[in-house]
């Protein structure tokens, strides 16, 4: 599969509760300030290690700021063999508005 699906924050919350992997592609400062609880920050330096260690069959939620850049990242990750890749509509900004208790701060 080399496709991804855009999903609502509600669906993302459901998948997260079922053990989905979560990645955040925002800059280090934004990630450290606040991110989805349990998310791992991905960048060009660690993406290959992440792919090598990840469960390619587990759902993968991709977050950016507003849900646009995550679509490109989701397409890339789907092309790397992940079978269930999701870009979250509205990105982290939408998530933190809806689920402020489901966020965390600090470095991963």
N, C-alpha and C. Protein backbone atom coordinates (compact mmCIF):
# COMPACT_ATOMS: atom_id res chain seq x y z
N UNK A 1 0.84 -1.19 0.00
CA UNK A 1 0.00 0.00 0.00
C UNK A 1 0.88 1.24 0.00
N UNK A 2 0.59 2.17 -0.86
CA UNK A 2 1.35 3.42 -0.86
C UNK A 2 0.39 4.59 -0.70
N UNK A 3 -0.71 4.34 -0.01
CA UNK A 3 -1.69 5.38 0.21
C UNK A 3 -1.87 5.62 1.70
N UNK A 4 -2.46 6.75 2.02
CA UNK A 4 -2.78 7.08 3.39
C UNK A 4 -4.21 7.59 3.40
N UNK A 5 -4.76 7.74 4.59
CA UNK A 5 -6.12 8.22 4.75
C UNK A 5 -6.12 9.42 5.69
N UNK A 6 -6.88 10.44 5.35
CA UNK A 6 -7.09 11.57 6.25
C UNK A 6 -8.24 11.20 7.18
N UNK A 7 -8.03 11.42 8.48
CA UNK A 7 -9.05 11.06 9.46
C UNK A 7 -9.30 12.21 10.43
N UNK A 8 -10.44 12.15 11.08
CA UNK A 8 -10.80 13.15 12.07
C UNK A 8 -10.02 12.93 13.36
N UNK A 9 -9.92 13.96 14.18
CA UNK A 9 -9.29 13.78 15.49
C UNK A 9 -10.03 12.73 16.33
N UNK A 10 -11.33 12.64 16.17
CA UNK A 10 -12.10 11.64 16.92
C UNK A 10 -11.66 10.22 16.56
N UNK A 11 -11.49 9.98 15.28
CA UNK A 11 -11.02 8.65 14.83
C UNK A 11 -9.58 8.42 15.29
N UNK A 12 -8.77 9.47 15.26
CA UNK A 12 -7.38 9.36 15.73
C UNK A 12 -7.34 8.99 17.21
N UNK A 13 -8.22 9.60 18.00
CA UNK A 13 -8.28 9.29 19.43
C UNK A 13 -8.64 7.82 19.63
N UNK A 14 -9.57 7.34 18.84
CA UNK A 14 -9.98 5.93 18.91
C UNK A 14 -8.81 5.01 18.57
N UNK A 15 -8.11 5.30 17.48
CA UNK A 15 -6.97 4.48 17.08
C UNK A 15 -5.85 4.55 18.11
N UNK A 16 -5.64 5.73 18.68
CA UNK A 16 -4.63 5.90 19.72
C UNK A 16 -4.95 5.01 20.92
N UNK A 17 -6.21 4.96 21.30
CA UNK A 17 -6.60 4.12 22.44
C UNK A 17 -6.43 2.64 22.15
N UNK A 18 -6.34 2.30 20.87
CA UNK A 18 -6.14 0.91 20.46
C UNK A 18 -4.66 0.60 20.21
N UNK A 19 -3.77 1.55 20.54
CA UNK A 19 -2.34 1.30 20.44
C UNK A 19 -1.65 1.79 19.19
N UNK A 20 -2.27 2.68 18.44
CA UNK A 20 -1.63 3.21 17.23
C UNK A 20 -0.32 3.90 17.57
N UNK A 21 0.63 3.83 16.65
CA UNK A 21 1.88 4.59 16.75
C UNK A 21 1.55 6.03 16.38
N UNK A 22 2.23 6.98 17.02
CA UNK A 22 1.97 8.40 16.76
C UNK A 22 3.29 9.09 16.47
N UNK A 23 3.33 9.83 15.36
CA UNK A 23 4.52 10.61 15.04
C UNK A 23 4.13 12.07 14.82
N UNK A 24 5.06 12.94 15.15
CA UNK A 24 4.87 14.39 15.06
C UNK A 24 6.03 14.93 14.23
N UNK A 25 5.73 15.63 13.15
CA UNK A 25 6.79 16.12 12.27
C UNK A 25 7.06 17.62 12.44
N UNK A 26 6.50 18.21 13.49
CA UNK A 26 6.74 19.64 13.74
C UNK A 26 8.17 19.88 14.22
N UNK A 27 8.55 21.15 14.29
CA UNK A 27 9.91 21.51 14.70
C UNK A 27 10.15 21.13 16.17
N UNK A 28 11.42 20.99 16.57
CA UNK A 28 11.75 20.55 17.94
C UNK A 28 11.16 21.42 19.04
N UNK A 29 11.17 22.73 18.86
CA UNK A 29 10.66 23.63 19.89
C UNK A 29 9.15 23.44 20.08
N UNK A 30 8.40 23.38 18.99
CA UNK A 30 6.95 23.18 19.07
C UNK A 30 6.63 21.85 19.71
N UNK A 31 7.35 20.80 19.31
CA UNK A 31 7.13 19.48 19.88
C UNK A 31 7.40 19.49 21.39
N UNK A 32 8.52 20.10 21.79
CA UNK A 32 8.88 20.13 23.20
C UNK A 32 7.86 20.92 24.02
N UNK A 33 7.30 21.96 23.43
CA UNK A 33 6.31 22.78 24.13
C UNK A 33 5.06 21.99 24.43
N UNK A 34 4.55 21.27 23.41
CA UNK A 34 3.33 20.49 23.58
C UNK A 34 3.15 19.58 22.38
N UNK A 35 2.77 18.34 22.63
CA UNK A 35 2.52 17.37 21.57
C UNK A 35 1.49 16.35 22.04
N UNK A 36 1.02 15.55 21.13
CA UNK A 36 0.10 14.47 21.49
C UNK A 36 0.83 13.54 22.44
N UNK A 37 0.21 13.23 23.56
CA UNK A 37 0.83 12.32 24.52
C UNK A 37 1.16 11.00 23.82
N UNK A 38 2.41 10.56 23.98
CA UNK A 38 2.86 9.32 23.37
C UNK A 38 3.45 9.46 21.99
N UNK A 39 3.45 10.67 21.45
CA UNK A 39 3.99 10.89 20.09
C UNK A 39 5.51 10.91 20.10
N UNK A 40 6.07 10.42 19.02
CA UNK A 40 7.51 10.49 18.78
C UNK A 40 7.75 11.53 17.71
N UNK A 41 8.73 12.39 17.91
CA UNK A 41 9.05 13.40 16.90
C UNK A 41 9.90 12.77 15.81
N UNK A 42 9.50 12.99 14.57
CA UNK A 42 10.26 12.50 13.42
C UNK A 42 10.88 13.66 12.68
N UNK A 43 12.11 13.45 12.24
CA UNK A 43 12.78 14.42 11.37
C UNK A 43 13.69 13.65 10.42
N UNK A 44 14.40 14.36 9.60
CA UNK A 44 15.27 13.70 8.61
C UNK A 44 16.38 12.88 9.24
N UNK A 45 16.76 13.21 10.47
CA UNK A 45 17.85 12.48 11.13
C UNK A 45 17.40 11.15 11.73
N UNK A 46 16.15 11.04 12.18
CA UNK A 46 15.75 9.80 12.85
C UNK A 46 14.71 8.97 12.10
N UNK A 47 14.26 9.42 10.97
CA UNK A 47 13.17 8.72 10.29
C UNK A 47 13.56 7.30 9.87
N UNK A 48 14.79 7.11 9.42
CA UNK A 48 15.19 5.78 8.97
C UNK A 48 15.28 4.80 10.14
N UNK A 49 15.76 5.26 11.29
CA UNK A 49 15.77 4.41 12.49
C UNK A 49 14.35 4.09 12.93
N UNK A 50 13.47 5.08 12.84
CA UNK A 50 12.07 4.85 13.21
C UNK A 50 11.46 3.77 12.33
N UNK A 51 11.66 3.89 11.02
CA UNK A 51 11.09 2.92 10.08
C UNK A 51 11.64 1.52 10.36
N UNK A 52 12.93 1.44 10.60
CA UNK A 52 13.55 0.13 10.85
C UNK A 52 13.00 -0.55 12.10
N UNK A 53 12.64 0.24 13.11
CA UNK A 53 12.19 -0.33 14.39
C UNK A 53 10.66 -0.43 14.51
N UNK A 54 9.93 0.19 13.62
CA UNK A 54 8.47 0.29 13.75
C UNK A 54 7.76 -0.99 13.32
N UNK A 55 6.57 -1.14 13.85
CA UNK A 55 5.65 -2.21 13.43
C UNK A 55 4.92 -1.69 12.20
N UNK A 56 5.27 -2.20 11.04
CA UNK A 56 4.70 -1.70 9.78
C UNK A 56 3.22 -2.02 9.63
N UNK A 57 2.72 -2.95 10.43
CA UNK A 57 1.31 -3.33 10.33
C UNK A 57 0.42 -2.61 11.34
N UNK A 58 1.00 -1.92 12.30
CA UNK A 58 0.22 -1.18 13.29
C UNK A 58 -0.23 0.15 12.69
N UNK A 59 -1.39 0.64 13.09
CA UNK A 59 -1.82 1.96 12.62
C UNK A 59 -0.79 3.03 12.99
N UNK A 60 -0.60 3.98 12.09
CA UNK A 60 0.37 5.06 12.29
C UNK A 60 -0.33 6.40 12.07
N UNK A 61 -0.38 7.22 13.12
CA UNK A 61 -0.98 8.55 13.05
C UNK A 61 0.12 9.58 12.85
N UNK A 62 -0.05 10.44 11.86
CA UNK A 62 0.95 11.46 11.55
C UNK A 62 0.36 12.84 11.83
N UNK A 63 1.07 13.60 12.67
CA UNK A 63 0.64 14.96 13.04
C UNK A 63 1.65 15.99 12.56
N UNK A 64 1.13 17.13 12.11
CA UNK A 64 1.93 18.32 11.84
C UNK A 64 1.20 19.48 12.53
N UNK A 65 1.38 20.69 12.08
CA UNK A 65 0.72 21.84 12.71
C UNK A 65 -0.78 21.86 12.43
N UNK A 66 -1.14 21.85 11.14
CA UNK A 66 -2.54 22.04 10.75
C UNK A 66 -3.09 20.94 9.84
N UNK A 67 -2.34 19.89 9.62
CA UNK A 67 -2.84 18.77 8.84
C UNK A 67 -2.49 18.78 7.37
N UNK A 68 -1.60 19.67 6.95
CA UNK A 68 -1.21 19.73 5.54
C UNK A 68 0.10 19.00 5.28
N UNK A 69 1.15 19.37 6.00
CA UNK A 69 2.46 18.73 5.82
C UNK A 69 2.42 17.26 6.19
N UNK A 70 1.54 16.91 7.12
CA UNK A 70 1.44 15.50 7.51
C UNK A 70 0.98 14.62 6.36
N UNK A 71 0.29 15.19 5.40
CA UNK A 71 -0.16 14.39 4.25
C UNK A 71 1.03 13.93 3.41
N UNK A 72 2.00 14.80 3.21
CA UNK A 72 3.20 14.41 2.47
C UNK A 72 4.01 13.38 3.24
N UNK A 73 4.13 13.59 4.55
CA UNK A 73 4.85 12.63 5.39
C UNK A 73 4.13 11.29 5.41
N UNK A 74 2.80 11.32 5.49
CA UNK A 74 2.02 10.08 5.51
C UNK A 74 2.19 9.33 4.19
N UNK A 75 2.19 10.04 3.08
CA UNK A 75 2.39 9.39 1.78
C UNK A 75 3.77 8.74 1.72
N UNK A 76 4.79 9.44 2.21
CA UNK A 76 6.14 8.89 2.24
C UNK A 76 6.18 7.62 3.08
N UNK A 77 5.62 7.68 4.29
CA UNK A 77 5.64 6.53 5.19
C UNK A 77 4.85 5.35 4.62
N UNK A 78 3.74 5.63 3.98
CA UNK A 78 2.99 4.55 3.32
C UNK A 78 3.85 3.89 2.25
N UNK A 79 4.62 4.69 1.54
CA UNK A 79 5.52 4.17 0.53
C UNK A 79 6.67 3.36 1.09
N UNK A 80 6.93 3.51 2.39
CA UNK A 80 8.00 2.76 3.05
C UNK A 80 7.51 1.43 3.62
N UNK A 81 6.24 1.13 3.40
CA UNK A 81 5.73 -0.18 3.81
C UNK A 81 4.74 -0.20 4.94
N UNK A 82 4.43 0.94 5.53
CA UNK A 82 3.40 0.98 6.56
C UNK A 82 2.05 0.68 5.92
N UNK A 83 1.29 -0.19 6.53
CA UNK A 83 0.03 -0.62 5.91
C UNK A 83 -1.17 0.23 6.28
N UNK A 84 -1.12 0.95 7.41
CA UNK A 84 -2.24 1.77 7.86
C UNK A 84 -1.72 3.12 8.31
N UNK A 85 -1.67 4.07 7.39
CA UNK A 85 -1.12 5.39 7.68
C UNK A 85 -2.25 6.42 7.62
N UNK A 86 -2.27 7.30 8.63
CA UNK A 86 -3.34 8.29 8.73
C UNK A 86 -2.76 9.67 8.99
N UNK A 87 -3.22 10.65 8.24
CA UNK A 87 -2.94 12.05 8.49
C UNK A 87 -4.15 12.61 9.23
N UNK A 88 -3.91 13.31 10.33
CA UNK A 88 -5.01 13.78 11.16
C UNK A 88 -5.45 15.17 10.72
N UNK A 89 -6.73 15.27 10.35
CA UNK A 89 -7.31 16.54 9.90
C UNK A 89 -7.13 17.63 10.94
N UNK A 90 -6.64 18.78 10.51
CA UNK A 90 -6.45 19.91 11.41
C UNK A 90 -5.17 19.84 12.22
N UNK A 91 -4.44 18.73 12.12
CA UNK A 91 -3.16 18.58 12.77
C UNK A 91 -3.20 18.73 14.28
N UNK A 92 -2.04 19.04 14.83
CA UNK A 92 -1.93 19.15 16.28
C UNK A 92 -2.77 20.30 16.84
N UNK A 93 -2.87 21.38 16.10
CA UNK A 93 -3.66 22.52 16.60
C UNK A 93 -5.11 22.11 16.83
N UNK A 94 -5.68 21.33 15.95
CA UNK A 94 -7.04 20.85 16.12
C UNK A 94 -7.11 19.88 17.29
N UNK A 95 -6.11 18.99 17.39
CA UNK A 95 -6.07 18.00 18.47
C UNK A 95 -6.04 18.69 19.84
N UNK A 96 -5.13 19.64 20.01
CA UNK A 96 -4.98 20.25 21.34
C UNK A 96 -6.21 21.06 21.74
N UNK A 97 -6.94 21.58 20.77
CA UNK A 97 -8.19 22.29 21.06
C UNK A 97 -9.26 21.32 21.56
N UNK A 98 -9.32 20.16 20.91
CA UNK A 98 -10.35 19.17 21.25
C UNK A 98 -9.98 18.32 22.47
N UNK A 99 -8.70 17.99 22.58
CA UNK A 99 -8.24 17.05 23.62
C UNK A 99 -7.06 17.59 24.41
N UNK A 100 -7.24 18.70 25.12
CA UNK A 100 -6.10 19.28 25.85
C UNK A 100 -5.52 18.35 26.91
N UNK A 101 -6.31 17.45 27.42
CA UNK A 101 -5.81 16.51 28.43
C UNK A 101 -5.02 15.34 27.81
N UNK A 102 -5.03 15.28 26.49
CA UNK A 102 -4.32 14.20 25.79
C UNK A 102 -3.03 14.73 25.15
N UNK A 103 -2.42 15.71 25.82
CA UNK A 103 -1.16 16.28 25.33
C UNK A 103 -0.10 16.17 26.42
N UNK A 104 1.13 16.36 26.01
CA UNK A 104 2.27 16.31 26.93
C UNK A 104 3.31 17.32 26.48
N UNK A 105 4.22 17.65 27.36
CA UNK A 105 5.30 18.55 26.98
C UNK A 105 6.63 17.87 27.28
N UNK A 106 7.70 18.44 26.75
CA UNK A 106 9.03 17.89 26.96
C UNK A 106 9.53 17.11 25.76
N UNK A 107 10.81 16.79 25.83
CA UNK A 107 11.45 16.02 24.76
C UNK A 107 11.11 14.55 24.88
N UNK A 108 11.12 13.86 23.78
CA UNK A 108 10.83 12.43 23.79
C UNK A 108 12.07 11.64 24.16
